[in-house]
Amino acid sequence: MTAGFLQVKNIVYHYPVGRKKIKALDGISLALKREGTLGIVGESGSGKSTLGKTIAGLLAPQRGAIVFKGLEISGKMNTSVQYVFQNSSKALNPRMRVRDLIAEGLIIQKKWPRKRDLIIRDVMDAVGLPERVASYLPGQLSGGQIQRVALARVLAVEPEVLILDEPVSSLDVTTGAMLLLMLAELRKKKKLSYIIISHDLAVLRQTCTDIAVIYAGKIVEAGRADYIFTKPRHMYTKMLLAAHPQPDPAFKIRVEIRREAADPLHLPSGCRFHPRCPEALPLCRRQPPGMVNVAKEHCVSCHLAG
C-alpha cells in the first residue's frame, strides 16, 4: 500500500502457549492515509484485533515498528491514536455516570480542567447523545447509546486516528446503519482517520477507502477498496466475498469454502492458505509467497498473482 501518515512496518506479535507460540502477527506492514479509512478484514483468529491493539499501543510488538507522523510510537499509548473496543459495554465502568466516563481520559491526561464540562457537552452533541444521558449509568443505556458513549470518550481527548473494533457487531441493522452514517460525518467534520476492524464486508464496503485482508497473521491482499471488492486477486479474498451476499447481482464470485481456518499452533509450511486453496501449486506448499504489486495501490501475496 502507499505510504501514509501512520505506518506499520513488519510488526511481529506472538502469544506464548506452553512451549509453542501463536503467531498472531507475523510480519505485518500497512499504511493509513491521512483522513482515510482502512478496513481490516479476516476470519476470527486471523489477528485483526491484535493488530488494532498493537497499533494503539495497548500491546508492544516484539519486532517491527509503528510510525505516526514520522515518530515511532511502538508500544506507547498516544492520545492521538485511540481504540474503541468491540464490546463497549464491558469497557465502561458500570458504576460511573456517563459524564464521568467521558471525562475520564481528560482527567488521566490532566487536560483542560476548566473546559471539561464544555468538552463533555460538545462530544455528546457530536455523537448524538441527549444532555439528559449525562447522568445515566451504563445499565440505563441502549446498545447504540453505549457505543456512542465509547466514541465520546475517545473524541474528548481530540485524537487524529480512531481504531474501531467491530463497531456495529452488537447492534441491530438500523442502529448500526445510523452509527456508520454518524462516523462518516464525524470523520469529515473532525478530519479523522479510521482503522475499522470487521468480519462484515458490508460494513467495510460502505465505509472504507482501503482494505487489508489478513489470514493467519499475514496480510494476503491490500489496496483500494474498489479493487478489493471488484477485482480480488487472492483466493482467500475471493472466498470471503463468495461467502457474503453481493449487492450487485452481475458481480458473482463462485469459490468453494474449503476446510477450517489454519490452526495457529500448527501452521502449514509455505503459503499458510494453501491447504484451503483449490489452485495451490507444489510451490505453494514449500515456499511462502512475497507481496507483489498487481496494480497501483493493489498488492497481493500469492505465487499465482501474475
Protein backbone atom coordinates (compact mmCIF):
# COMPACT_ATOMS: atom_id res chain seq x y z
CA MET A 1 0.00 0.00 0.00
CA THR A 2 1.14 3.60 -0.44
CA ALA A 3 2.87 5.42 2.38
CA GLY A 4 0.59 7.06 4.92
CA PHE A 5 0.90 9.26 7.94
CA LEU A 6 0.51 6.16 10.13
CA GLN A 7 2.71 3.25 9.05
CA VAL A 8 3.02 -0.29 10.37
CA LYS A 9 6.39 -1.74 9.44
CA ASN A 10 6.89 -5.50 9.57
CA ILE A 11 5.50 -5.94 13.08
CA VAL A 12 5.54 -9.28 14.90
CA TYR A 13 3.47 -10.27 17.92
CA HIS A 14 3.47 -13.88 19.16
CA TYR A 15 1.48 -15.21 22.11
CA PRO A 16 3.32 -17.90 24.10
CA VAL A 17 1.28 -21.09 24.67
CA GLY A 18 3.37 -23.52 26.68
CA ARG A 19 6.45 -24.27 24.60
CA LYS A 20 4.76 -23.09 21.41
CA LYS A 21 3.73 -19.72 20.05
CA ILE A 22 0.63 -18.39 18.36
CA LYS A 23 1.88 -16.17 15.54
CA ALA A 24 -0.93 -13.63 15.82
CA LEU A 25 1.03 -11.08 13.75
CA ASP A 26 3.93 -12.37 11.70
CA GLY A 27 5.47 -9.56 9.67
CA ILE A 28 2.56 -7.17 9.10
CA SER A 29 3.07 -3.99 7.08
CA LEU A 30 0.41 -1.49 6.08
CA ALA A 31 -0.30 2.23 5.96
CA LEU A 32 -3.19 4.50 6.87
CA LYS A 33 -3.66 7.64 4.78
CA ARG A 34 -4.45 10.97 6.38
CA GLU A 35 -8.25 11.27 6.68
CA GLY A 36 -8.57 7.85 5.08
CA THR A 37 -10.47 4.80 6.26
CA LEU A 38 -8.60 1.49 6.28
CA GLY A 39 -10.60 -1.70 6.76
CA ILE A 40 -9.00 -4.80 8.28
CA VAL A 41 -10.90 -7.97 7.37
CA GLY A 42 -10.41 -11.65 8.10
CA GLU A 43 -11.93 -14.61 9.88
CA SER A 44 -11.98 -14.99 13.65
CA GLY A 45 -8.48 -15.66 14.95
CA SER A 46 -6.75 -14.10 11.95
CA GLY A 47 -5.04 -11.42 14.07
CA LYS A 48 -7.33 -8.42 13.40
CA SER A 49 -7.85 -7.29 16.99
CA THR A 50 -4.24 -7.97 17.98
CA LEU A 51 -3.19 -5.74 15.09
CA GLY A 52 -5.52 -2.94 16.23
CA LYS A 53 -4.34 -3.13 19.85
CA THR A 54 -0.70 -3.12 18.76
CA ILE A 55 -1.21 -0.01 16.62
CA ALA A 56 -2.96 1.69 19.56
CA GLY A 57 -0.08 0.91 21.92
CA LEU A 58 -2.08 -1.49 24.08
CA LEU A 59 0.36 -4.24 23.04
CA ALA A 60 4.05 -3.78 22.26
CA PRO A 61 5.25 -5.56 19.11
CA GLN A 62 8.17 -7.94 19.62
CA ARG A 63 9.68 -6.79 16.33
CA GLY A 64 8.99 -4.10 13.79
CA ALA A 65 7.86 -0.50 14.20
CA ILE A 66 4.74 1.66 14.22
CA VAL A 67 5.38 5.19 12.98
CA PHE A 68 2.92 8.06 13.38
CA LYS A 69 3.68 11.35 11.60
CA GLY A 70 7.35 10.43 11.43
CA LEU A 71 7.74 9.39 15.08
CA GLU A 72 7.93 5.80 16.30
CA ILE A 73 5.15 5.01 18.79
CA SER A 74 5.62 1.25 19.11
CA GLY A 75 4.36 0.03 22.49
CA LYS A 76 3.39 3.56 23.56
CA MET A 77 -0.12 4.77 24.23
CA ASN A 78 -0.77 8.03 22.39
CA THR A 79 -3.81 10.28 22.78
CA SER A 80 -3.73 10.90 19.02
CA VAL A 81 -4.40 7.19 18.32
CA GLN A 82 -7.44 5.87 20.20
CA TYR A 83 -9.00 2.38 20.33
CA VAL A 84 -12.75 1.69 20.61
CA PHE A 85 -13.29 -1.84 21.90
CA GLN A 86 -15.56 -4.38 20.27
CA ASN A 87 -17.69 -4.93 23.36
CA SER A 88 -18.07 -1.36 24.58
CA SER A 89 -20.45 -2.32 27.41
CA LYS A 90 -17.62 -4.22 29.12
CA ALA A 91 -15.21 -1.31 28.61
CA LEU A 92 -17.43 1.06 30.63
CA ASN A 93 -17.37 1.08 34.43
CA PRO A 94 -21.00 0.20 35.38
CA ARG A 95 -20.81 2.41 38.48
CA MET A 96 -19.76 5.60 36.70
CA ARG A 97 -22.14 8.16 35.22
CA VAL A 98 -21.83 8.96 31.52
CA ARG A 99 -20.35 12.42 32.18
CA ASP A 100 -17.63 10.87 34.36
CA LEU A 101 -16.89 8.16 31.81
CA ILE A 102 -16.38 10.77 29.10
CA ALA A 103 -14.22 12.93 31.39
CA GLU A 104 -12.01 10.02 32.49
CA GLY A 105 -9.46 10.38 29.71
CA LEU A 106 -9.25 14.14 30.26
CA ILE A 107 -8.61 13.60 33.97
CA ILE A 108 -5.94 10.95 33.37
CA GLN A 109 -4.19 13.19 30.84
CA LYS A 110 -4.67 16.25 33.09
CA LYS A 111 -6.14 18.13 30.16
CA TRP A 112 -8.30 21.26 30.16
CA PRO A 113 -9.68 21.13 33.74
CA ARG A 114 -11.62 24.38 33.27
CA LYS A 115 -13.14 23.35 29.93
CA ARG A 116 -14.19 19.80 30.77
CA ASP A 117 -17.91 20.48 31.13
CA LEU A 118 -17.93 22.25 27.75
CA ILE A 119 -15.92 19.44 26.11
CA ILE A 120 -18.32 16.81 27.51
CA ARG A 121 -21.33 18.67 26.11
CA ASP A 122 -19.64 19.15 22.75
CA VAL A 123 -18.66 15.49 22.26
CA MET A 124 -22.06 14.26 23.47
CA ASP A 125 -23.67 16.51 20.89
CA ALA A 126 -21.21 15.31 18.22
CA VAL A 127 -22.19 11.65 18.74
CA GLY A 128 -25.92 12.37 19.10
CA LEU A 129 -26.38 11.82 22.84
CA PRO A 130 -29.06 13.98 24.53
CA GLU A 131 -27.92 16.05 27.50
CA ARG A 132 -30.06 14.09 29.98
CA VAL A 133 -27.98 10.96 29.32
CA ALA A 134 -25.00 12.60 31.10
CA SER A 135 -26.40 11.47 34.47
CA TYR A 136 -27.19 7.89 33.36
CA LEU A 137 -25.33 4.75 34.35
CA PRO A 138 -24.29 2.35 31.54
CA GLY A 139 -27.03 -0.08 32.57
CA GLN A 140 -29.64 2.56 31.65
CA LEU A 141 -28.37 2.90 28.07
CA SER A 142 -29.34 1.11 24.86
CA GLY A 143 -26.70 -0.69 22.79
CA GLY A 144 -26.48 2.21 20.36
CA GLN A 145 -26.08 4.72 23.20
CA ILE A 146 -23.32 2.63 24.79
CA GLN A 147 -21.39 2.68 21.51
CA ARG A 148 -21.86 6.44 21.27
CA VAL A 149 -20.57 6.93 24.83
CA ALA A 150 -17.49 4.86 23.92
CA LEU A 151 -16.93 7.15 20.93
CA ALA A 152 -17.49 10.30 23.00
CA ARG A 153 -14.84 9.13 25.50
CA VAL A 154 -12.12 8.90 22.87
CA LEU A 155 -13.21 12.03 21.00
CA ALA A 156 -12.86 14.05 24.21
CA VAL A 157 -9.05 13.79 24.05
CA GLU A 158 -9.03 15.03 20.42
CA PRO A 159 -7.49 12.06 18.58
CA GLU A 160 -6.45 12.03 14.95
CA VAL A 161 -6.86 8.27 14.44
CA LEU A 162 -9.69 6.03 15.68
CA ILE A 163 -9.32 2.25 15.67
CA LEU A 164 -12.84 0.79 15.72
CA ASP A 165 -13.06 -2.92 16.53
CA GLU A 166 -16.29 -4.40 15.12
CA PRO A 167 -18.16 -1.10 15.68
CA VAL A 168 -21.65 -2.39 14.80
CA SER A 169 -21.43 -6.12 15.51
CA SER A 170 -23.59 -5.88 18.66
CA LEU A 171 -26.20 -3.56 17.14
CA ASP A 172 -29.34 -4.19 15.13
CA VAL A 173 -29.24 -3.29 11.44
CA THR A 174 -30.98 0.10 11.75
CA THR A 175 -28.94 1.27 14.73
CA GLY A 176 -25.75 0.06 13.07
CA ALA A 177 -26.53 1.95 9.87
CA MET A 178 -27.16 5.14 11.85
CA LEU A 179 -23.86 4.72 13.69
CA LEU A 180 -21.92 4.24 10.44
CA LEU A 181 -23.51 7.38 9.00
CA MET A 182 -22.53 9.29 12.14
CA LEU A 183 -18.94 8.00 11.89
CA ALA A 184 -18.73 9.21 8.29
CA GLU A 185 -19.95 12.67 9.32
CA LEU A 186 -17.53 12.81 12.26
CA ARG A 187 -14.60 11.87 10.05
CA LYS A 188 -15.26 14.79 7.71
CA LYS A 189 -16.09 17.28 10.45
CA LYS A 190 -13.12 16.49 12.69
CA LYS A 191 -10.72 15.38 9.92
CA LEU A 192 -10.23 11.97 11.49
CA SER A 193 -8.62 8.84 10.06
CA TYR A 194 -10.17 5.44 10.79
CA ILE A 195 -8.99 1.87 11.03
CA ILE A 196 -12.11 -0.32 11.04
CA ILE A 197 -11.71 -3.94 12.09
CA SER A 198 -14.55 -6.16 10.93
CA HIS A 199 -15.53 -9.56 9.60
CA ASP A 200 -18.54 -7.88 7.95
CA LEU A 201 -17.68 -6.99 4.36
CA ALA A 202 -20.86 -4.92 4.01
CA VAL A 203 -19.62 -2.57 6.74
CA LEU A 204 -16.22 -2.19 5.08
CA ARG A 205 -17.75 -1.72 1.61
CA GLN A 206 -19.84 1.16 2.97
CA THR A 207 -17.13 2.91 4.97
CA CYS A 208 -13.59 2.20 3.73
CA THR A 209 -11.31 3.76 1.14
CA ASP A 210 -8.71 0.98 1.53
CA ILE A 211 -8.79 -2.68 2.63
CA ALA A 212 -6.22 -5.06 4.09
CA VAL A 213 -7.11 -8.77 4.15
CA ILE A 214 -5.40 -10.73 6.93
CA TYR A 215 -5.07 -14.51 7.22
CA ALA A 216 -3.24 -16.41 9.99
CA GLY A 217 -1.18 -13.38 10.99
CA LYS A 218 -0.24 -12.31 7.44
CA ILE A 219 -1.60 -9.66 5.08
CA VAL A 220 -2.55 -11.57 1.92
CA GLU A 221 -4.08 -8.74 -0.11
CA ALA A 222 -4.30 -4.98 0.31
CA GLY A 223 -5.28 -1.97 -1.71
CA ARG A 224 -8.03 0.40 -2.68
CA ALA A 225 -11.46 -0.82 -1.62
CA ASP A 226 -12.85 -0.71 -5.16
CA TYR A 227 -10.09 -3.09 -6.35
CA ILE A 228 -10.57 -5.49 -3.44
CA PHE A 229 -14.32 -5.70 -3.92
CA THR A 230 -14.43 -5.85 -7.72
CA LYS A 231 -11.06 -7.33 -8.75
CA PRO A 232 -9.89 -9.56 -5.89
CA ARG A 233 -6.71 -11.47 -6.69
CA HIS A 234 -6.09 -13.70 -3.66
CA MET A 235 -8.19 -16.84 -3.33
CA TYR A 236 -8.86 -16.08 0.35
CA THR A 237 -10.30 -12.67 -0.55
CA LYS A 238 -12.48 -14.34 -3.17
CA MET A 239 -13.61 -16.89 -0.59
CA LEU A 240 -14.62 -14.14 1.87
CA LEU A 241 -16.54 -12.32 -0.86
CA ALA A 242 -18.22 -15.50 -2.09
CA ALA A 243 -19.45 -16.21 1.45
CA HIS A 244 -21.11 -12.79 1.66
CA PRO A 245 -24.20 -11.61 -0.28
CA GLN A 246 -23.24 -9.22 -3.07
CA PRO A 247 -25.34 -6.08 -3.71
CA ASP A 248 -24.70 -6.27 -7.46
CA PRO A 249 -26.31 -9.41 -9.00
CA ALA A 250 -23.98 -9.13 -12.01
CA PHE A 251 -20.93 -9.41 -9.76
CA LYS A 252 -20.56 -13.06 -8.87
CA ILE A 253 -17.65 -14.91 -7.33
CA ARG A 254 -18.16 -18.62 -7.02
CA VAL A 255 -15.48 -20.12 -4.83
CA GLU A 256 -15.91 -23.19 -2.69
CA ILE A 257 -15.28 -22.53 1.00
CA ARG A 258 -12.86 -25.30 1.92
CA ARG A 259 -11.85 -26.56 5.35
CA GLU A 260 -11.43 -24.69 8.60
CA ALA A 261 -9.02 -21.78 9.07
CA ALA A 262 -5.40 -22.67 9.80
CA ASP A 263 -4.63 -23.89 13.32
CA PRO A 264 -2.46 -21.08 14.79
CA LEU A 265 -0.41 -23.61 16.79
CA HIS A 266 0.25 -25.84 13.75
CA LEU A 267 0.62 -23.54 10.75
CA PRO A 268 1.35 -25.22 7.41
CA SER A 269 4.65 -24.70 5.63
CA GLY A 270 4.86 -22.48 2.58
CA CYS A 271 1.76 -20.39 1.96
CA ARG A 272 -0.43 -20.62 5.04
CA PHE A 273 -3.55 -20.67 2.90
CA HIS A 274 -2.52 -23.48 0.57
CA PRO A 275 -4.48 -26.31 2.33
CA ARG A 276 -7.70 -24.36 1.58
CA CYS A 277 -6.77 -23.13 -1.90
CA PRO A 278 -8.26 -25.00 -4.89
CA GLU A 279 -5.48 -23.67 -7.16
CA ALA A 280 -2.48 -24.41 -4.92
CA LEU A 281 0.74 -25.41 -6.69
CA PRO A 282 3.53 -27.64 -5.32
CA LEU A 283 5.49 -24.39 -4.86
CA CYS A 284 2.77 -23.07 -2.53
CA ARG A 285 3.39 -25.96 -0.15
CA ARG A 286 7.12 -25.28 0.01
CA GLN A 287 7.71 -21.55 -0.21
CA PRO A 288 5.91 -18.59 1.42
CA PRO A 289 4.90 -16.05 -1.25
CA GLY A 290 6.11 -12.45 -1.21
CA MET A 291 3.92 -9.39 -1.70
CA VAL A 292 3.52 -8.42 -5.37
CA ASN A 293 2.08 -5.22 -6.85
CA VAL A 294 -0.65 -6.14 -9.33
CA ALA A 295 -1.84 -2.56 -9.89
CA LYS A 296 -1.26 0.88 -8.44
CA GLU A 297 -2.37 0.70 -4.78
CA HIS A 298 -3.17 -3.01 -5.03
CA CYS A 299 -0.85 -5.80 -3.86
CA VAL A 300 -1.26 -9.49 -3.16
CA SER A 301 0.78 -12.22 -1.50
CA CYS A 302 0.35 -15.17 -3.85
CA HIS A 303 2.52 -17.24 -6.21
CA LEU A 304 -0.31 -17.02 -8.75
CA ALA A 305 -0.53 -13.23 -8.60
CA GLY A 306 0.84 -12.79 -12.10
